[in-house]
């Protein structure tokens, strides 16, 4: 029926499921959210952060670039700072999360 309509009207018709459309729109909305300093966006619209424990005062002594995320009680590191701390034996984690208000974590791994 659609092909017949396409031929008669000379219009191209594209159908997609509501689920496909919702997933695409969700990814596009995620890209519009602001992210915290030192975060890197993925193609899926998620954000990757390198973090360490808020009680880790060693980072302050090294004068490295970081951001204190009071909401989640953690220190977000620049990639360069994360590499330096790893060389010094400090625990650093890579976190992938949604850039939304609640920042739901999708993945967390020790680096």
PDB file of N, CA and C in Angstrom:
ATOM      1  N   UNK A   1       0.820  -1.191   0.000  1.00  0.00           N
ATOM      2  CA  UNK A   1       0.000   0.000   0.000  1.00  0.00           C
ATOM      3  C   UNK A   1       0.872   1.268   0.000  1.00  0.00           C
ATOM      4  N   UNK A   2       1.942   1.269   0.814  1.00  0.00           N
ATOM      5  CA  UNK A   2       2.823   2.427   0.850  1.00  0.00           C
ATOM      6  C   UNK A   2       3.567   2.609  -0.466  1.00  0.00           C
ATOM      7  N   UNK A   3       3.984   1.510  -1.053  1.00  0.00           N
ATOM      8  CA  UNK A   3       4.701   1.587  -2.326  1.00  0.00           C
ATOM      9  C   UNK A   3       3.803   2.171  -3.409  1.00  0.00           C
ATOM     10  N   UNK A   4       2.528   1.789  -3.387  1.00  0.00           N
ATOM     11  CA  UNK A   4       1.582   2.338  -4.360  1.00  0.00           C
ATOM     12  C   UNK A   4       1.428   3.845  -4.162  1.00  0.00           C
ATOM     13  N   UNK A   5       1.321   4.254  -2.905  1.00  0.00           N
ATOM     14  CA  UNK A   5       1.198   5.678  -2.605  1.00  0.00           C
ATOM     15  C   UNK A   5       2.449   6.435  -3.042  1.00  0.00           C
ATOM     16  N   UNK A   6       3.621   5.826  -2.791  1.00  0.00           N
ATOM     17  CA  UNK A   6       4.888   6.424  -3.182  1.00  0.00           C
ATOM     18  C   UNK A   6       4.930   6.667  -4.688  1.00  0.00           C
ATOM     19  N   UNK A   7       4.478   5.670  -5.453  1.00  0.00           N
ATOM     20  CA  UNK A   7       4.496   5.778  -6.919  1.00  0.00           C
ATOM     21  C   UNK A   7       3.543   6.875  -7.399  1.00  0.00           C
ATOM     22  N   UNK A   8       2.357   6.910  -6.814  1.00  0.00           N
ATOM     23  CA  UNK A   8       1.353   7.883  -7.239  1.00  0.00           C
ATOM     24  C   UNK A   8       1.725   9.310  -6.845  1.00  0.00           C
ATOM     25  N   UNK A   9       2.240   9.487  -5.641  1.00  0.00           N
ATOM     26  CA  UNK A   9       2.520  10.836  -5.151  1.00  0.00           C
ATOM     27  C   UNK A   9       3.932  11.317  -5.461  1.00  0.00           C
ATOM     28  N   UNK A  10       4.792  10.386  -5.819  1.00  0.00           N
ATOM     29  CA  UNK A  10       6.207  10.669  -6.089  1.00  0.00           C
ATOM     30  C   UNK A  10       6.923  11.235  -4.863  1.00  0.00           C
ATOM     31  N   UNK A  11       6.384  10.920  -3.706  1.00  0.00           N
ATOM     32  CA  UNK A  11       7.025  11.286  -2.451  1.00  0.00           C
ATOM     33  C   UNK A  11       7.749  10.062  -1.901  1.00  0.00           C
ATOM     34  N   UNK A  12       8.880  10.272  -1.283  1.00  0.00           N
ATOM     35  CA  UNK A  12       9.580   9.164  -0.638  1.00  0.00           C
ATOM     36  C   UNK A  12       9.078   9.073   0.793  1.00  0.00           C
ATOM     37  N   UNK A  13       8.773   7.863   1.198  1.00  0.00           N
ATOM     38  CA  UNK A  13       8.231   7.631   2.532  1.00  0.00           C
ATOM     39  C   UNK A  13       9.218   6.786   3.326  1.00  0.00           C
ATOM     40  N   UNK A  14       9.430   7.192   4.563  1.00  0.00           N
ATOM     41  CA  UNK A  14      10.318   6.453   5.454  1.00  0.00           C
ATOM     42  C   UNK A  14       9.564   6.157   6.741  1.00  0.00           C
ATOM     43  N   UNK A  15       9.535   4.916   7.135  1.00  0.00           N
ATOM     44  CA  UNK A  15       8.875   4.528   8.380  1.00  0.00           C
ATOM     45  C   UNK A  15       9.921   4.016   9.359  1.00  0.00           C
ATOM     46  N   UNK A  16       9.758   4.389  10.606  1.00  0.00           N
ATOM     47  CA  UNK A  16      10.619   3.827  11.639  1.00  0.00           C
ATOM     48  C   UNK A  16       9.745   3.568  12.868  1.00  0.00           C
ATOM     49  N   UNK A  17      10.210   2.633  13.678  1.00  0.00           N
ATOM     50  CA  UNK A  17       9.425   2.284  14.861  1.00  0.00           C
ATOM     51  C   UNK A  17       9.540   3.393  15.903  1.00  0.00           C
ATOM     52  N   UNK A  18       8.596   3.433  16.785  1.00  0.00           N
ATOM     53  CA  UNK A  18       8.619   4.423  17.862  1.00  0.00           C
ATOM     54  C   UNK A  18       9.845   4.204  18.744  1.00  0.00           C
ATOM     55  N   UNK A  19      10.239   2.956  18.925  1.00  0.00           N
ATOM     56  CA  UNK A  19      11.412   2.656  19.753  1.00  0.00           C
ATOM     57  C   UNK A  19      12.680   3.212  19.122  1.00  0.00           C
ATOM     58  N   UNK A  20      12.843   3.027  17.816  1.00  0.00           N
ATOM     59  CA  UNK A  20      14.012   3.552  17.114  1.00  0.00           C
ATOM     60  C   UNK A  20      14.053   5.073  17.197  1.00  0.00           C
ATOM     61  N   UNK A  21      12.917   5.696  16.960  1.00  0.00           N
ATOM     62  CA  UNK A  21      12.828   7.159  17.021  1.00  0.00           C
ATOM     63  C   UNK A  21      13.142   7.656  18.430  1.00  0.00           C
ATOM     64  N   UNK A  22      12.615   6.999  19.440  1.00  0.00           N
ATOM     65  CA  UNK A  22      12.848   7.386  20.829  1.00  0.00           C
ATOM     66  C   UNK A  22      14.335   7.273  21.171  1.00  0.00           C
ATOM     67  N   UNK A  23      14.987   6.184  20.755  1.00  0.00           N
ATOM     68  CA  UNK A  23      16.409   6.008  21.036  1.00  0.00           C
ATOM     69  C   UNK A  23      17.239   7.106  20.384  1.00  0.00           C
ATOM     70  N   UNK A  24      16.928   7.434  19.141  1.00  0.00           N
ATOM     71  CA  UNK A  24      17.655   8.491  18.432  1.00  0.00           C
ATOM     72  C   UNK A  24      17.453   9.830  19.141  1.00  0.00           C
ATOM     73  N   UNK A  25      16.217  10.150  19.470  1.00  0.00           N
ATOM     74  CA  UNK A  25      15.930  11.424  20.129  1.00  0.00           C
ATOM     75  C   UNK A  25      16.586  11.497  21.507  1.00  0.00           C
ATOM     76  N   UNK A  26      16.618  10.377  22.220  1.00  0.00           N
ATOM     77  CA  UNK A  26      17.238  10.342  23.541  1.00  0.00           C
ATOM     78  C   UNK A  26      18.736  10.656  23.430  1.00  0.00           C
ATOM     79  N   UNK A  27      19.414  10.045  22.457  1.00  0.00           N
ATOM     80  CA  UNK A  27      20.837  10.316  22.252  1.00  0.00           C
ATOM     81  C   UNK A  27      21.073  11.785  21.916  1.00  0.00           C
ATOM     82  N   UNK A  28      20.217  12.343  21.090  1.00  0.00           N
ATOM     83  CA  UNK A  28      20.364  13.748  20.720  1.00  0.00           C
ATOM     84  C   UNK A  28      20.134  14.673  21.916  1.00  0.00           C
ATOM     85  N   UNK A  29      19.185  14.327  22.777  1.00  0.00           N
ATOM     86  CA  UNK A  29      18.940  15.145  23.975  1.00  0.00           C
ATOM     87  C   UNK A  29      20.127  15.067  24.932  1.00  0.00           C
ATOM     88  N   UNK A  30      20.741  13.891  25.039  1.00  0.00           N
ATOM     89  CA  UNK A  30      21.892  13.742  25.926  1.00  0.00           C
ATOM     90  C   UNK A  30      23.045  14.641  25.483  1.00  0.00           C
ATOM     91  N   UNK A  31      23.186  14.820  24.187  1.00  0.00           N
ATOM     92  CA  UNK A  31      24.270  15.643  23.660  1.00  0.00           C
ATOM     93  C   UNK A  31      24.112  17.118  24.030  1.00  0.00           C
ATOM     94  N   UNK A  32      22.902  17.537  24.375  1.00  0.00           N
ATOM     95  CA  UNK A  32      22.651  18.934  24.731  1.00  0.00           C
ATOM     96  C   UNK A  32      22.904  19.235  26.205  1.00  0.00           C
ATOM     97  N   UNK A  33      23.042  18.191  27.021  1.00  0.00           N
ATOM     98  CA  UNK A  33      23.286  18.398  28.450  1.00  0.00           C
ATOM     99  C   UNK A  33      24.699  18.912  28.673  1.00  0.00           C
ATOM    100  N   UNK A  34      24.846  19.799  29.629  1.00  0.00           N
ATOM    101  CA  UNK A  34      26.174  20.289  29.990  1.00  0.00           C
ATOM    102  C   UNK A  34      26.890  19.204  30.785  1.00  0.00           C
ATOM    103  N   UNK A  35      28.202  19.158  30.619  1.00  0.00           N
ATOM    104  CA  UNK A  35      28.983  18.166  31.361  1.00  0.00           C
ATOM    105  C   UNK A  35      29.956  18.885  32.287  1.00  0.00           C
ATOM    106  N   UNK A  36      30.437  18.159  33.285  1.00  0.00           N
ATOM    107  CA  UNK A  36      31.385  18.729  34.237  1.00  0.00           C
ATOM    108  C   UNK A  36      32.761  18.865  33.585  1.00  0.00           C
ATOM    109  N   UNK A  37      33.622  19.705  34.151  1.00  0.00           N
ATOM    110  CA  UNK A  37      34.965  19.859  33.598  1.00  0.00           C
ATOM    111  C   UNK A  37      35.711  18.524  33.506  1.00  0.00           C
ATOM    112  N   UNK A  38      36.526  18.390  32.488  1.00  0.00           N
ATOM    113  CA  UNK A  38      37.382  17.240  32.209  1.00  0.00           C
ATOM    114  C   UNK A  38      36.623  16.007  31.729  1.00  0.00           C
ATOM    115  N   UNK A  39      35.341  16.142  31.458  1.00  0.00           N
ATOM    116  CA  UNK A  39      34.550  15.031  30.912  1.00  0.00           C
ATOM    117  C   UNK A  39      34.719  14.943  29.400  1.00  0.00           C
ATOM    118  N   UNK A  40      34.641  13.736  28.880  1.00  0.00           N
ATOM    119  CA  UNK A  40      34.712  13.505  27.429  1.00  0.00           C
ATOM    120  C   UNK A  40      33.432  12.801  26.995  1.00  0.00           C
ATOM    121  N   UNK A  41      32.771  13.357  25.977  1.00  0.00           N
ATOM    122  CA  UNK A  41      31.545  12.754  25.457  1.00  0.00           C
ATOM    123  C   UNK A  41      31.843  11.578  24.540  1.00  0.00           C
ATOM    124  N   UNK A  42      30.994  10.551  24.621  1.00  0.00           N
ATOM    125  CA  UNK A  42      31.088   9.427  23.703  1.00  0.00           C
ATOM    126  C   UNK A  42      30.099   9.647  22.557  1.00  0.00           C
ATOM    127  N   UNK A  43      30.181   8.828  21.528  1.00  0.00           N
ATOM    128  CA  UNK A  43      29.253   8.942  20.397  1.00  0.00           C
ATOM    129  C   UNK A  43      27.811   8.692  20.826  1.00  0.00           C
ATOM    130  N   UNK A  44      27.632   7.902  21.873  1.00  0.00           N
ATOM    131  CA  UNK A  44      26.286   7.575  22.360  1.00  0.00           C
ATOM    132  C   UNK A  44      25.684   8.681  23.206  1.00  0.00           C
ATOM    133  N   UNK A  45      26.460   9.721  23.510  1.00  0.00           N
ATOM    134  CA  UNK A  45      25.949  10.818  24.316  1.00  0.00           C
ATOM    135  C   UNK A  45      26.301  10.689  25.789  1.00  0.00           C
ATOM    136  N   UNK A  46      26.979   9.607  26.182  1.00  0.00           N
ATOM    137  CA  UNK A  46      27.399   9.439  27.568  1.00  0.00           C
ATOM    138  C   UNK A  46      28.658  10.266  27.811  1.00  0.00           C
ATOM    139  N   UNK A  47      29.089  10.341  29.070  1.00  0.00           N
ATOM    140  CA  UNK A  47      30.285  11.108  29.420  1.00  0.00           C
ATOM    141  C   UNK A  47      31.239  10.219  30.207  1.00  0.00           C
ATOM    142  N   UNK A  48      32.534  10.345  29.896  1.00  0.00           N
ATOM    143  CA  UNK A  48      33.571   9.590  30.593  1.00  0.00           C
ATOM    144  C   UNK A  48      34.354  10.545  31.480  1.00  0.00           C
ATOM    145  N   UNK A  49      34.515  10.145  32.757  1.00  0.00           N
ATOM    146  CA  UNK A  49      35.308  10.910  33.714  1.00  0.00           C
ATOM    147  C   UNK A  49      36.364   9.997  34.329  1.00  0.00           C
ATOM    148  N   UNK A  50      37.511  10.588  34.686  1.00  0.00           N
ATOM    149  CA  UNK A  50      38.503   9.895  35.504  1.00  0.00           C
ATOM    150  C   UNK A  50      38.353  10.477  36.894  1.00  0.00           C
ATOM    151  N   UNK A  51      38.147   9.610  37.876  1.00  0.00           N
ATOM    152  CA  UNK A  51      37.867  10.100  39.226  1.00  0.00           C
ATOM    153  C   UNK A  51      38.764   9.438  40.262  1.00  0.00           C
ATOM    154  N   UNK A  52      38.861  10.093  41.399  1.00  0.00           N
ATOM    155  CA  UNK A  52      39.531   9.532  42.558  1.00  0.00           C
ATOM    156  C   UNK A  52      38.740   9.944  43.797  1.00  0.00           C
ATOM    157  N   UNK A  53      39.087   9.370  44.907  1.00  0.00           N
ATOM    158  CA  UNK A  53      38.391   9.589  46.175  1.00  0.00           C
ATOM    159  C   UNK A  53      38.541  11.036  46.640  1.00  0.00           C
ATOM    160  N   UNK A  54      37.487  11.590  47.158  1.00  0.00           N
ATOM    161  CA  UNK A  54      37.479  12.979  47.634  1.00  0.00           C
ATOM    162  C   UNK A  54      38.438  13.172  48.814  1.00  0.00           C
ATOM    163  N   UNK A  55      38.736  12.115  49.539  1.00  0.00           N
ATOM    164  CA  UNK A  55      39.627  12.212  50.698  1.00  0.00           C
ATOM    165  C   UNK A  55      41.098  12.175  50.298  1.00  0.00           C
ATOM    166  N   UNK A  56      41.359  12.000  49.014  1.00  0.00           N
ATOM    167  CA  UNK A  56      42.717  11.889  48.524  1.00  0.00           C
ATOM    168  C   UNK A  56      43.370  13.268  48.462  1.00  0.00           C
ATOM    169  N   UNK A  57      44.096  13.642  49.474  1.00  0.00           N
ATOM    170  CA  UNK A  57      44.737  14.968  49.542  1.00  0.00           C
ATOM    171  C   UNK A  57      46.052  15.007  48.762  1.00  0.00           C
ATOM    172  N   UNK A  58      46.535  13.855  48.319  1.00  0.00           N
ATOM    173  CA  UNK A  58      47.781  13.776  47.560  1.00  0.00           C
ATOM    174  C   UNK A  58      47.699  14.622  46.293  1.00  0.00           C
ATOM    175  N   UNK A  59      46.523  14.659  45.690  1.00  0.00           N
ATOM    176  CA  UNK A  59      46.338  15.416  44.439  1.00  0.00           C
ATOM    177  C   UNK A  59      46.567  16.910  44.657  1.00  0.00           C
ATOM    178  N   UNK A  60      46.229  17.414  45.823  1.00  0.00           N
ATOM    179  CA  UNK A  60      46.417  18.837  46.107  1.00  0.00           C
ATOM    180  C   UNK A  60      47.898  19.199  46.193  1.00  0.00           C
ATOM    181  N   UNK A  61      48.697  18.273  46.692  1.00  0.00           N
ATOM    182  CA  UNK A  61      50.133  18.513  46.823  1.00  0.00           C
ATOM    183  C   UNK A  61      50.823  18.553  45.460  1.00  0.00           C
ATOM    184  N   UNK A  62      50.298  17.830  44.493  1.00  0.00           N
ATOM    185  CA  UNK A  62      50.919  17.731  43.165  1.00  0.00           C
ATOM    186  C   UNK A  62      50.538  18.886  42.236  1.00  0.00           C
ATOM    187  N   UNK A  63      49.590  19.709  42.645  1.00  0.00           N
ATOM    188  CA  UNK A  63      49.125  20.857  41.840  1.00  0.00           C
ATOM    189  C   UNK A  63      48.667  20.422  40.446  1.00  0.00           C
ATOM    190  N   UNK A  64      47.853  19.401  40.400  1.00  0.00           N
ATOM    191  CA  UNK A  64      47.314  18.889  39.141  1.00  0.00           C
ATOM    192  C   UNK A  64      45.929  19.482  38.887  1.00  0.00           C
ATOM    193  N   UNK A  65      45.483  19.403  37.637  1.00  0.00           N
ATOM    194  CA  UNK A  65      44.164  19.935  37.288  1.00  0.00           C
ATOM    195  C   UNK A  65      43.081  18.949  37.708  1.00  0.00           C
ATOM    196  N   UNK A  66      42.097  19.457  38.441  1.00  0.00           N
ATOM    197  CA  UNK A  66      40.990  18.618  38.911  1.00  0.00           C
ATOM    198  C   UNK A  66      39.774  19.487  39.183  1.00  0.00           C
ATOM    199  N   UNK A  67      38.646  18.827  39.388  1.00  0.00           N
ATOM    200  CA  UNK A  67      37.386  19.497  39.733  1.00  0.00           C
ATOM    201  C   UNK A  67      36.738  18.704  40.849  1.00  0.00           C
ATOM    202  N   UNK A  68      36.307  19.374  41.896  1.00  0.00           N
ATOM    203  CA  UNK A  68      35.646  18.686  43.006  1.00  0.00           C
ATOM    204  C   UNK A  68      34.154  18.648  42.734  1.00  0.00           C
ATOM    205  N   UNK A  69      33.636  17.439  42.588  1.00  0.00           N
ATOM    206  CA  UNK A  69      32.210  17.217  42.356  1.00  0.00           C
ATOM    207  C   UNK A  69      31.564  16.961  43.718  1.00  0.00           C
ATOM    208  N   UNK A  70      31.040  18.014  44.317  1.00  0.00           N
ATOM    209  CA  UNK A  70      30.463  17.911  45.659  1.00  0.00           C
ATOM    210  C   UNK A  70      29.200  17.048  45.666  1.00  0.00           C
ATOM    211  N   UNK A  71      28.477  17.092  44.581  1.00  0.00           N
ATOM    212  CA  UNK A  71      27.221  16.346  44.498  1.00  0.00           C
ATOM    213  C   UNK A  71      27.445  14.836  44.665  1.00  0.00           C
ATOM    214  N   UNK A  72      28.506  14.327  44.041  1.00  0.00           N
ATOM    215  CA  UNK A  72      28.793  12.891  44.111  1.00  0.00           C
ATOM    216  C   UNK A  72      29.986  12.585  45.007  1.00  0.00           C
ATOM    217  N   UNK A  73      30.514  13.619  45.680  1.00  0.00           N
ATOM    218  CA  UNK A  73      31.593  13.438  46.637  1.00  0.00           C
ATOM    219  C   UNK A  73      32.803  12.732  46.016  1.00  0.00           C
ATOM    220  N   UNK A  74      33.357  13.351  44.956  1.00  0.00           N
ATOM    221  CA  UNK A  74      34.494  12.763  44.245  1.00  0.00           C
ATOM    222  C   UNK A  74      35.320  13.864  43.602  1.00  0.00           C
ATOM    223  N   UNK A  75      36.520  13.504  43.183  1.00  0.00           N
ATOM    224  CA  UNK A  75      37.384  14.430  42.465  1.00  0.00           C
ATOM    225  C   UNK A  75      37.464  13.961  41.016  1.00  0.00           C
ATOM    226  N   UNK A  76      37.131  14.849  40.087  1.00  0.00           N
ATOM    227  CA  UNK A  76      37.230  14.549  38.658  1.00  0.00           C
ATOM    228  C   UNK A  76      38.571  15.092  38.179  1.00  0.00           C
ATOM    229  N   UNK A  77      39.324  14.238  37.513  1.00  0.00           N
ATOM    230  CA  UNK A  77      40.677  14.575  37.093  1.00  0.00           C
ATOM    231  C   UNK A  77      40.767  14.834  35.603  1.00  0.00           C
ATOM    232  N   UNK A  78      41.731  15.672  35.220  1.00  0.00           N
ATOM    233  CA  UNK A  78      42.055  15.775  33.800  1.00  0.00           C
ATOM    234  C   UNK A  78      42.743  14.455  33.432  1.00  0.00           C
ATOM    235  N   UNK A  79      42.772  14.149  32.148  1.00  0.00           N
ATOM    236  CA  UNK A  79      43.403  12.888  31.723  1.00  0.00           C
ATOM    237  C   UNK A  79      44.896  12.889  32.080  1.00  0.00           C
ATOM    238  N   UNK A  80      45.531  14.026  31.937  1.00  0.00           N
ATOM    239  CA  UNK A  80      46.953  14.148  32.268  1.00  0.00           C
ATOM    240  C   UNK A  80      47.180  13.908  33.769  1.00  0.00           C
ATOM    241  N   UNK A  81      46.310  14.489  34.598  1.00  0.00           N
ATOM    242  CA  UNK A  81      46.420  14.309  36.047  1.00  0.00           C
ATOM    243  C   UNK A  81      46.188  12.849  36.427  1.00  0.00           C
ATOM    244  N   UNK A  82      45.225  12.209  35.760  1.00  0.00           N
ATOM    245  CA  UNK A  82      44.941  10.797  36.039  1.00  0.00           C
ATOM    246  C   UNK A  82      46.162   9.933  35.743  1.00  0.00           C
ATOM    247  N   UNK A  83      46.818  10.183  34.615  1.00  0.00           N
ATOM    248  CA  UNK A  83      48.016   9.413  34.247  1.00  0.00           C
ATOM    249  C   UNK A  83      49.129   9.620  35.270  1.00  0.00           C
ATOM    250  N   UNK A  84      49.308  10.864  35.704  1.00  0.00           N
ATOM    251  CA  UNK A  84      50.353  11.172  36.689  1.00  0.00           C
ATOM    252  C   UNK A  84      50.079  10.457  38.011  1.00  0.00           C
ATOM    253  N   UNK A  85      48.840  10.488  38.459  1.00  0.00           N
ATOM    254  CA  UNK A  85      48.502   9.831  39.726  1.00  0.00           C
ATOM    255  C   UNK A  85      48.647   8.321  39.629  1.00  0.00           C
ATOM    256  N   UNK A  86      48.307   7.756  38.475  1.00  0.00           N
ATOM    257  CA  UNK A  86      48.485   6.314  38.279  1.00  0.00           C
ATOM    258  C   UNK A  86      49.955   5.930  38.372  1.00  0.00           C
ATOM    259  N   UNK A  87      50.825   6.763  37.800  1.00  0.00           N
ATOM    260  CA  UNK A  87      52.269   6.518  37.889  1.00  0.00           C
ATOM    261  C   UNK A  87      52.739   6.538  39.338  1.00  0.00           C
ATOM    262  N   UNK A  88      52.088   7.355  40.165  1.00  0.00           N
ATOM    263  CA  UNK A  88      52.452   7.475  41.579  1.00  0.00           C
ATOM    264  C   UNK A  88      51.732   6.446  42.455  1.00  0.00           C
ATOM    265  N   UNK A  89      50.966   5.565  41.840  1.00  0.00           N
ATOM    266  CA  UNK A  89      50.301   4.495  42.584  1.00  0.00           C
ATOM    267  C   UNK A  89      48.991   4.877  43.244  1.00  0.00           C
ATOM    268  N   UNK A  90      48.393   5.981  42.827  1.00  0.00           N
ATOM    269  CA  UNK A  90      47.116   6.434  43.398  1.00  0.00           C
ATOM    270  C   UNK A  90      45.970   5.754  42.654  1.00  0.00           C
ATOM    271  N   UNK A  91      44.933   5.364  43.382  1.00  0.00           N
ATOM    272  CA  UNK A  91      43.776   4.688  42.799  1.00  0.00           C
ATOM    273  C   UNK A  91      42.945   5.678  41.967  1.00  0.00           C
ATOM    274  N   UNK A  92      42.748   5.342  40.683  1.00  0.00           N
ATOM    275  CA  UNK A  92      41.952   6.157  39.775  1.00  0.00           C
ATOM    276  C   UNK A  92      40.945   5.243  39.087  1.00  0.00           C
ATOM    277  N   UNK A  93      39.716   5.735  38.906  1.00  0.00           N
ATOM    278  CA  UNK A  93      38.685   4.964  38.219  1.00  0.00           C
ATOM    279  C   UNK A  93      38.177   5.728  37.000  1.00  0.00           C
ATOM    280  N   UNK A  94      37.784   4.962  36.000  1.00  0.00           N
ATOM    281  CA  UNK A  94      37.168   5.521  34.793  1.00  0.00           C
ATOM    282  C   UNK A  94      35.668   5.269  34.923  1.00  0.00           C
ATOM    283  N   UNK A  95      34.873   6.327  34.868  1.00  0.00           N
ATOM    284  CA  UNK A  95      33.428   6.220  35.037  1.00  0.00           C
ATOM    285  C   UNK A  95      32.745   6.725  33.774  1.00  0.00           C
ATOM    286  N   UNK A  96      31.777   5.951  33.294  1.00  0.00           N
ATOM    287  CA  UNK A  96      30.961   6.371  32.158  1.00  0.00           C
ATOM    288  C   UNK A  96      29.537   6.535  32.683  1.00  0.00           C
ATOM    289  N   UNK A  97      28.955   7.707  32.433  1.00  0.00           N
ATOM    290  CA  UNK A  97      27.632   7.980  32.994  1.00  0.00           C
ATOM    291  C   UNK A  97      26.808   8.876  32.076  1.00  0.00           C
ATOM    292  N   UNK A  98      25.511   8.935  32.365  1.00  0.00           N
ATOM    293  CA  UNK A  98      24.626   9.826  31.637  1.00  0.00           C
ATOM    294  C   UNK A  98      24.881  11.261  32.102  1.00  0.00           C
ATOM    295  N   UNK A  99      24.856  12.233  31.194  1.00  0.00           N
ATOM    296  CA  UNK A  99      25.096  13.626  31.597  1.00  0.00           C
ATOM    297  C   UNK A  99      23.832  14.304  32.115  1.00  0.00           C
ATOM    298  N   UNK A 100      23.013  13.563  32.814  1.00  0.00           N
ATOM    299  CA  UNK A 100      21.751  14.082  33.325  1.00  0.00           C
ATOM    300  C   UNK A 100      21.927  14.563  34.765  1.00  0.00           C
ATOM    301  N   UNK A 101      20.875  15.114  35.338  1.00  0.00           N
ATOM    302  CA  UNK A 101      20.924  15.653  36.689  1.00  0.00           C
ATOM    303  C   UNK A 101      21.395  14.610  37.708  1.00  0.00           C
ATOM    304  N   UNK A 102      20.880  13.381  37.585  1.00  0.00           N
ATOM    305  CA  UNK A 102      21.240  12.337  38.546  1.00  0.00           C
ATOM    306  C   UNK A 102      22.532  11.612  38.177  1.00  0.00           C
ATOM    307  N   UNK A 103      23.021  11.753  36.955  1.00  0.00           N
ATOM    308  CA  UNK A 103      24.301  11.174  36.543  1.00  0.00           C
ATOM    309  C   UNK A 103      24.412   9.671  36.767  1.00  0.00           C
ATOM    310  N   UNK A 104      23.428   8.924  36.297  1.00  0.00           N
ATOM    311  CA  UNK A 104      23.412   7.475  36.489  1.00  0.00           C
ATOM    312  C   UNK A 104      24.634   6.852  35.812  1.00  0.00           C
ATOM    313  N   UNK A 105      25.383   6.060  36.579  1.00  0.00           N
ATOM    314  CA  UNK A 105      26.575   5.406  36.049  1.00  0.00           C
ATOM    315  C   UNK A 105      26.207   4.199  35.216  1.00  0.00           C
ATOM    316  N   UNK A 106      26.851   4.082  34.059  1.00  0.00           N
ATOM    317  CA  UNK A 106      26.644   2.952  33.168  1.00  0.00           C
ATOM    318  C   UNK A 106      27.765   1.947  33.362  1.00  0.00           C
ATOM    319  N   UNK A 107      28.974   2.468  33.585  1.00  0.00           N
ATOM    320  CA  UNK A 107      30.144   1.605  33.725  1.00  0.00           C
ATOM    321  C   UNK A 107      31.148   2.268  34.638  1.00  0.00           C
ATOM    322  N   UNK A 108      31.833   1.442  35.432  1.00  0.00           N
ATOM    323  CA  UNK A 108      32.899   1.931  36.328  1.00  0.00           C
ATOM    324  C   UNK A 108      34.001   0.872  36.335  1.00  0.00           C
ATOM    325  N   UNK A 109      35.221   1.330  36.108  1.00  0.00           N
ATOM    326  CA  UNK A 109      36.339   0.383  36.104  1.00  0.00           C
ATOM    327  C   UNK A 109      37.586   1.024  36.693  1.00  0.00           C
ATOM    328  N   UNK A 110      38.392   0.202  37.365  1.00  0.00           N
ATOM    329  CA  UNK A 110      39.666   0.686  37.883  1.00  0.00           C
ATOM    330  C   UNK A 110      40.625   0.803  36.715  1.00  0.00           C
ATOM    331  N   UNK A 111      41.397   1.869  36.735  1.00  0.00           N
ATOM    332  CA  UNK A 111      42.356   2.112  35.648  1.00  0.00           C
ATOM    333  C   UNK A 111      43.712   1.613  36.072  1.00  0.00           C
TER     334      UNK A 111
END
